[in-house]
Amino acid sequence: MKGVNVEIMGQNLVVASDAGDEWVRSVAETVDERIRQLRESGQTVSSVNLAILAALNFADELERLKKQHRELIDRIAAINNRLGAAIEGTRG
C-alpha cells in the first residue's frame, strides 16, 4: 500500500490506500470542500470542531444512504417475488 500526498485544511497528509491515487485525491477534495463549506457558514472556528462537524455530516449522509440502500434492496426483493409468483402462475 503506497501513500498519496493530499492537502486538507491546509495540512499536507500522506494517505495510505489501495484504492488508487485519483480516488484518494477525490475523497480528500470532498473532505476539504465540506470543511470549507462549514467554515464559511460560520458555525465554528476551531479546526478540531470543523473536522468533527465534517465527520458528523459524512456519517449522517452515510447512514441515510445505507437506509435508502436497504429500502431499495427490499423493494427489489418484493418485485422479484411478485415476478416469480407471476411466472409460476402462468406455468400452472
Protein backbone atom coordinates (compact mmCIF):
# COMPACT_ATOMS: atom_id res chain seq x y z
CA MET A 1 0.00 0.00 0.00
CA LYS A 2 1.56 3.27 -1.07
CA GLY A 3 0.98 6.76 0.24
CA VAL A 4 -0.70 9.58 -1.64
CA ASN A 5 0.02 13.21 -0.79
CA VAL A 6 -3.14 15.25 -0.18
CA GLU A 7 -4.00 18.56 1.45
CA ILE A 8 -6.92 19.01 3.83
CA MET A 9 -7.47 22.21 5.82
CA GLY A 10 -4.08 23.45 4.68
CA GLN A 11 -2.40 20.38 6.15
CA ASN A 12 -0.31 18.12 3.93
CA LEU A 13 -1.03 14.47 4.65
CA VAL A 14 0.14 11.17 3.27
CA VAL A 15 -2.81 8.78 2.97
CA ALA A 16 -2.17 5.07 2.50
CA SER A 17 -4.71 3.36 0.27
CA ASP A 18 -5.05 0.55 -2.24
CA ALA A 19 -7.85 2.47 -3.95
CA GLY A 20 -5.63 4.42 -6.31
CA ASP A 21 -4.17 7.90 -6.28
CA GLU A 22 -7.04 9.62 -8.10
CA TRP A 23 -9.65 8.10 -5.77
CA VAL A 24 -7.71 9.22 -2.67
CA ARG A 25 -7.30 12.71 -4.07
CA SER A 26 -11.00 12.88 -4.92
CA VAL A 27 -12.03 11.81 -1.42
CA ALA A 28 -9.59 14.29 0.13
CA GLU A 29 -11.00 17.09 -2.04
CA THR A 30 -14.52 16.16 -0.93
CA VAL A 31 -13.50 16.32 2.73
CA ASP A 32 -11.66 19.60 2.24
CA GLU A 33 -14.66 21.10 0.42
CA ARG A 34 -17.08 20.05 3.17
CA ILE A 35 -14.83 21.61 5.82
CA ARG A 36 -14.53 24.78 3.72
CA GLN A 37 -18.35 24.97 3.50
CA LEU A 38 -18.66 24.57 7.26
CA ARG A 39 -16.00 27.22 7.85
CA GLU A 40 -17.80 29.65 5.51
CA SER A 41 -21.12 29.07 7.27
CA GLY A 42 -19.54 30.49 10.43
CA GLN A 43 -20.61 27.55 12.58
CA THR A 44 -17.25 27.16 14.31
CA VAL A 45 -13.71 28.47 14.45
CA SER A 46 -11.71 25.56 15.85
CA SER A 47 -10.07 23.21 13.33
CA VAL A 48 -10.93 20.28 15.56
CA ASN A 49 -14.58 21.33 15.70
CA LEU A 50 -14.63 21.76 11.92
CA ALA A 51 -13.23 18.25 11.48
CA ILE A 52 -15.77 16.81 13.93
CA LEU A 53 -18.66 18.60 12.22
CA ALA A 54 -17.47 17.36 8.82
CA ALA A 55 -17.25 13.81 10.20
CA LEU A 56 -20.79 14.12 11.60
CA ASN A 57 -22.03 15.41 8.24
CA PHE A 58 -20.45 12.48 6.42
CA ALA A 59 -21.74 9.97 8.99
CA ASP A 60 -25.26 11.37 8.64
CA GLU A 61 -25.06 11.15 4.86
CA LEU A 62 -23.70 7.60 5.05
CA GLU A 63 -26.47 6.42 7.40
CA ARG A 64 -29.15 7.97 5.18
CA LEU A 65 -27.63 6.27 2.12
CA LYS A 66 -27.48 2.94 3.97
CA LYS A 67 -31.17 3.27 4.84
CA GLN A 68 -32.06 4.12 1.23
CA HIS A 69 -29.98 1.19 0.04
CA ARG A 70 -31.77 -1.23 2.38
CA GLU A 71 -35.14 0.13 1.24
CA LEU A 72 -34.17 -0.33 -2.43
CA ILE A 73 -32.95 -3.87 -1.80
CA ASP A 74 -36.24 -4.67 -0.02
CA ARG A 75 -38.25 -3.22 -2.92
CA ILE A 76 -36.24 -5.18 -5.47
CA ALA A 77 -36.75 -8.37 -3.46
CA ALA A 78 -40.52 -7.72 -3.31
CA ILE A 79 -40.68 -7.11 -7.06
CA ASN A 80 -38.60 -10.23 -7.66
CA ASN A 81 -41.02 -12.26 -5.51
CA ARG A 82 -44.03 -10.89 -7.38
CA LEU A 83 -42.42 -11.60 -10.74
CA GLY A 84 -41.54 -15.11 -9.63
CA ALA A 85 -45.11 -15.73 -8.47
CA ALA A 86 -46.47 -14.34 -11.73
CA ILE A 87 -44.18 -16.58 -13.78
CA GLU A 88 -45.13 -19.62 -11.72
CA GLY A 89 -48.81 -18.68 -12.12
CA THR A 90 -48.52 -18.72 -15.91
CA ARG A 91 -46.88 -22.15 -15.86
CA GLY A 92 -49.55 -23.78 -13.73
